[in-house]
Amino acid sequence: FHNNTGPGTGMVIPQPGNVGIGTTAPQYKLSVNGTIGTKEVIVTNTGWSDYVFKPDYLLRPLMEVASYIKANHHLPGIPTEAEVRENGVSLGEMQSKLLAKIEELTLHAIQEHERNDRLEQENQRMQERLARLEGRTTR
């Protein structure tokens, strides 16, 4: 490796291959067998979940999600505990998946809000109609 190869560069490892810290068989460009401390992690080259808001996105009904959870014991599209234990998890991919679930929940909340508004309006119309009918029968 080289030290101080240019302004702002501390160390460069020019040889191809993987680097390991605490491991003799690194599986990735940088493999660390231990805890990594950092102020920030920036993940690039990951798809994002804005597709959830596209008009052709098929939002699963909540009852279908509930049935899936009951049968599979995890959310659709999210890996199981066993899968994560065996394969690990990509932070960027998981962030995108979790954001998609938040966006789906937001869409469900909006649908429920719209449904509640419709029911309140219908209830108000029925109360007004009932009041008119009661007014006629008391005369």
C-alpha atoms as a PDB file:
ATOM      1  CA  PHE A   1       0.000   0.000   0.000  1.00  0.00           C
ATOM      2  CA  HIS A   2       0.989   3.615  -0.421  1.00  0.00           C
ATOM      3  CA  ASN A   3       0.769   6.434   2.075  1.00  0.00           C
ATOM      4  CA  ASN A   4      -0.038  10.013   1.073  1.00  0.00           C
ATOM      5  CA  THR A   5      -0.553   9.470  -2.649  1.00  0.00           C
ATOM      6  CA  GLY A   6      -2.210  12.841  -3.071  1.00  0.00           C
ATOM      7  CA  PRO A   7      -3.929  15.681  -1.279  1.00  0.00           C
ATOM      8  CA  GLY A   8      -6.523  14.359   1.164  1.00  0.00           C
ATOM      9  CA  THR A   9      -5.549  10.724   0.571  1.00  0.00           C
ATOM     10  CA  GLY A  10      -4.321   8.800   3.611  1.00  0.00           C
ATOM     11  CA  MET A  11      -3.790   5.312   2.218  1.00  0.00           C
ATOM     12  CA  VAL A  12      -4.370   3.537  -1.104  1.00  0.00           C
ATOM     13  CA  ILE A  13      -4.223  -0.196  -1.750  1.00  0.00           C
ATOM     14  CA  PRO A  14      -3.564  -0.457  -5.498  1.00  0.00           C
ATOM     15  CA  GLN A  15      -3.579  -4.255  -5.818  1.00  0.00           C
ATOM     16  CA  PRO A  16      -6.861  -5.907  -6.826  1.00  0.00           C
ATOM     17  CA  GLY A  17      -8.487  -8.182  -4.302  1.00  0.00           C
ATOM     18  CA  ASN A  18     -10.156  -7.975  -0.931  1.00  0.00           C
ATOM     19  CA  VAL A  19      -8.943  -6.466   2.324  1.00  0.00           C
ATOM     20  CA  GLY A  20      -9.677  -8.071   5.666  1.00  0.00           C
ATOM     21  CA  ILE A  21      -9.515  -6.686   9.172  1.00  0.00           C
ATOM     22  CA  GLY A  22      -9.746  -9.426  11.775  1.00  0.00           C
ATOM     23  CA  THR A  23     -10.221 -12.043   9.062  1.00  0.00           C
ATOM     24  CA  THR A  24      -7.869 -13.998   6.827  1.00  0.00           C
ATOM     25  CA  ALA A  25     -10.519 -14.737   4.193  1.00  0.00           C
ATOM     26  CA  PRO A  26     -12.214 -11.436   3.252  1.00  0.00           C
ATOM     27  CA  GLN A  27     -15.294 -11.955   1.080  1.00  0.00           C
ATOM     28  CA  TYR A  28     -15.770  -8.310   0.065  1.00  0.00           C
ATOM     29  CA  LYS A  29     -13.559  -5.400  -0.966  1.00  0.00           C
ATOM     30  CA  LEU A  30     -13.438  -4.647   2.764  1.00  0.00           C
ATOM     31  CA  SER A  31     -14.379  -7.335   5.271  1.00  0.00           C
ATOM     32  CA  VAL A  32     -14.299  -6.492   8.980  1.00  0.00           C
ATOM     33  CA  ASN A  33     -14.759  -9.155  11.610  1.00  0.00           C
ATOM     34  CA  GLY A  34     -15.922  -6.849  14.369  1.00  0.00           C
ATOM     35  CA  THR A  35     -17.689  -3.592  15.014  1.00  0.00           C
ATOM     36  CA  ILE A  36     -17.187  -0.615  12.739  1.00  0.00           C
ATOM     37  CA  GLY A  37     -17.486   2.867  14.237  1.00  0.00           C
ATOM     38  CA  THR A  38     -18.215   5.763  11.922  1.00  0.00           C
ATOM     39  CA  LYS A  39     -20.033   9.075  11.866  1.00  0.00           C
ATOM     40  CA  GLU A  40     -21.842   8.329   8.623  1.00  0.00           C
ATOM     41  CA  VAL A  41     -22.357   5.663   5.964  1.00  0.00           C
ATOM     42  CA  ILE A  42     -23.310   6.691   2.440  1.00  0.00           C
ATOM     43  CA  VAL A  43     -24.727   3.955   0.242  1.00  0.00           C
ATOM     44  CA  THR A  44     -24.815   4.592  -3.486  1.00  0.00           C
ATOM     45  CA  ASN A  45     -25.975   2.576  -6.473  1.00  0.00           C
ATOM     46  CA  THR A  46     -29.120   1.360  -4.749  1.00  0.00           C
ATOM     47  CA  GLY A  47     -32.572   1.584  -6.305  1.00  0.00           C
ATOM     48  CA  TRP A  48     -35.048   3.698  -4.379  1.00  0.00           C
ATOM     49  CA  SER A  49     -38.668   3.041  -3.508  1.00  0.00           C
ATOM     50  CA  ASP A  50     -40.520   5.928  -5.156  1.00  0.00           C
ATOM     51  CA  TYR A  51     -42.113   3.285  -7.402  1.00  0.00           C
ATOM     52  CA  VAL A  52     -44.685   2.835  -4.609  1.00  0.00           C
ATOM     53  CA  PHE A  53     -46.251   6.194  -5.541  1.00  0.00           C
ATOM     54  CA  LYS A  54     -46.593   5.424  -9.260  1.00  0.00           C
ATOM     55  CA  PRO A  55     -50.194   5.023 -10.482  1.00  0.00           C
ATOM     56  CA  ASP A  56     -49.658   1.431 -11.651  1.00  0.00           C
ATOM     57  CA  TYR A  57     -48.261   0.232  -8.289  1.00  0.00           C
ATOM     58  CA  LEU A  58     -50.379  -2.568  -6.849  1.00  0.00           C
ATOM     59  CA  LEU A  59     -50.845  -1.776  -3.156  1.00  0.00           C
ATOM     60  CA  ARG A  60     -51.703  -4.989  -1.319  1.00  0.00           C
ATOM     61  CA  PRO A  61     -54.901  -4.745   0.721  1.00  0.00           C
ATOM     62  CA  LEU A  62     -54.184  -4.851   4.457  1.00  0.00           C
ATOM     63  CA  MET A  63     -56.135  -8.094   4.893  1.00  0.00           C
ATOM     64  CA  GLU A  64     -53.866  -9.731   2.288  1.00  0.00           C
ATOM     65  CA  VAL A  65     -50.800  -8.444   4.167  1.00  0.00           C
ATOM     66  CA  ALA A  66     -52.266  -9.784   7.429  1.00  0.00           C
ATOM     67  CA  SER A  67     -52.791 -13.226   5.850  1.00  0.00           C
ATOM     68  CA  TYR A  68     -49.240 -13.208   4.509  1.00  0.00           C
ATOM     69  CA  ILE A  69     -47.835 -12.304   7.933  1.00  0.00           C
ATOM     70  CA  LYS A  70     -49.905 -15.009   9.615  1.00  0.00           C
ATOM     71  CA  ALA A  71     -48.665 -17.637   7.159  1.00  0.00           C
ATOM     72  CA  ASN A  72     -45.023 -16.500   6.832  1.00  0.00           C
ATOM     73  CA  HIS A  73     -44.264 -14.608  10.067  1.00  0.00           C
ATOM     74  CA  HIS A  74     -42.657 -11.637   8.280  1.00  0.00           C
ATOM     75  CA  LEU A  75     -43.621  -8.787   5.981  1.00  0.00           C
ATOM     76  CA  PRO A  76     -43.855  -9.445   2.245  1.00  0.00           C
ATOM     77  CA  GLY A  77     -40.670  -8.391   0.467  1.00  0.00           C
ATOM     78  CA  ILE A  78     -38.612  -8.350   3.671  1.00  0.00           C
ATOM     79  CA  PRO A  79     -36.128 -11.168   4.325  1.00  0.00           C
ATOM     80  CA  THR A  80     -36.700 -13.552   7.194  1.00  0.00           C
ATOM     81  CA  GLU A  81     -34.487 -13.668  10.264  1.00  0.00           C
ATOM     82  CA  ALA A  82     -32.985 -16.945   8.987  1.00  0.00           C
ATOM     83  CA  GLU A  83     -32.193 -15.382   5.592  1.00  0.00           C
ATOM     84  CA  VAL A  84     -30.470 -12.419   7.237  1.00  0.00           C
ATOM     85  CA  ARG A  85     -28.537 -14.707   9.576  1.00  0.00           C
ATOM     86  CA  GLU A  86     -27.335 -16.815   6.625  1.00  0.00           C
ATOM     87  CA  ASN A  87     -26.743 -14.132   3.960  1.00  0.00           C
ATOM     88  CA  GLY A  88     -26.476 -10.856   5.835  1.00  0.00           C
ATOM     89  CA  VAL A  89     -28.330  -7.813   4.592  1.00  0.00           C
ATOM     90  CA  SER A  90     -27.441  -4.927   2.303  1.00  0.00           C
ATOM     91  CA  LEU A  91     -27.978  -1.678   4.213  1.00  0.00           C
ATOM     92  CA  GLY A  92     -28.885   0.261   1.074  1.00  0.00           C
ATOM     93  CA  GLU A  93     -31.308  -2.390  -0.153  1.00  0.00           C
ATOM     94  CA  MET A  94     -32.898  -2.762   3.281  1.00  0.00           C
ATOM     95  CA  GLN A  95     -33.295   1.007   3.678  1.00  0.00           C
ATOM     96  CA  SER A  96     -35.109   1.064   0.333  1.00  0.00           C
ATOM     97  CA  LYS A  97     -37.347  -1.856   1.350  1.00  0.00           C
ATOM     98  CA  LEU A  98     -38.171  -0.274   4.709  1.00  0.00           C
ATOM     99  CA  LEU A  99     -38.964   3.054   3.027  1.00  0.00           C
ATOM    100  CA  ALA A 100     -41.271   1.197   0.614  1.00  0.00           C
ATOM    101  CA  LYS A 101     -43.125  -0.274   3.629  1.00  0.00           C
ATOM    102  CA  ILE A 102     -43.441   3.194   5.192  1.00  0.00           C
ATOM    103  CA  GLU A 103     -44.744   4.554   1.896  1.00  0.00           C
ATOM    104  CA  GLU A 104     -47.246   1.688   1.659  1.00  0.00           C
ATOM    105  CA  LEU A 105     -48.426   2.402   5.215  1.00  0.00           C
ATOM    106  CA  THR A 106     -48.786   6.076   4.289  1.00  0.00           C
ATOM    107  CA  LEU A 107     -50.945   5.141   1.287  1.00  0.00           C
ATOM    108  CA  HIS A 108     -53.082   2.886   3.505  1.00  0.00           C
ATOM    109  CA  ALA A 109     -53.465   5.718   6.044  1.00  0.00           C
ATOM    110  CA  ILE A 110     -54.538   8.115   3.269  1.00  0.00           C
ATOM    111  CA  GLN A 111     -57.086   5.566   1.996  1.00  0.00           C
ATOM    112  CA  GLU A 112     -58.487   5.112   5.506  1.00  0.00           C
ATOM    113  CA  HIS A 113     -58.662   8.877   6.014  1.00  0.00           C
ATOM    114  CA  GLU A 114     -60.570   9.281   2.747  1.00  0.00           C
ATOM    115  CA  ARG A 115     -62.900   6.419   3.729  1.00  0.00           C
ATOM    116  CA  ASN A 116     -63.525   8.005   7.147  1.00  0.00           C
ATOM    117  CA  ASP A 117     -64.309  11.354   5.489  1.00  0.00           C
ATOM    118  CA  ARG A 118     -66.833   9.670   3.171  1.00  0.00           C
ATOM    119  CA  LEU A 119     -68.454   7.847   6.090  1.00  0.00           C
ATOM    120  CA  GLU A 120     -68.659  11.063   8.147  1.00  0.00           C
ATOM    121  CA  GLN A 121     -70.295  12.899   5.238  1.00  0.00           C
ATOM    122  CA  GLU A 122     -72.725  10.024   4.682  1.00  0.00           C
ATOM    123  CA  ASN A 123     -73.507   9.922   8.407  1.00  0.00           C
ATOM    124  CA  GLN A 124     -74.120  13.693   8.420  1.00  0.00           C
ATOM    125  CA  ARG A 125     -76.515  13.399   5.442  1.00  0.00           C
ATOM    126  CA  MET A 126     -78.393  10.534   7.142  1.00  0.00           C
ATOM    127  CA  GLN A 127     -78.678  12.498  10.413  1.00  0.00           C
ATOM    128  CA  GLU A 128     -80.052  15.500   8.507  1.00  0.00           C
ATOM    129  CA  ARG A 129     -82.517  13.258   6.649  1.00  0.00           C
ATOM    130  CA  LEU A 130     -83.570  11.593   9.897  1.00  0.00           C
ATOM    131  CA  ALA A 131     -84.065  15.002  11.525  1.00  0.00           C
ATOM    132  CA  ARG A 132     -86.281  16.079   8.597  1.00  0.00           C
ATOM    133  CA  LEU A 133     -88.302  12.878   8.816  1.00  0.00           C
ATOM    134  CA  GLU A 134     -88.732  13.193  12.581  1.00  0.00           C
ATOM    135  CA  GLY A 135     -89.815  16.794  12.101  1.00  0.00           C
ATOM    136  CA  ARG A 136     -92.587  15.653   9.757  1.00  0.00           C
ATOM    137  CA  THR A 137     -93.922  12.956  12.098  1.00  0.00           C
ATOM    138  CA  THR A 138     -94.141  15.251  15.120  1.00  0.00           C
ATOM    139  CA  ARG A 139     -96.378  17.753  13.355  1.00  0.00           C
END
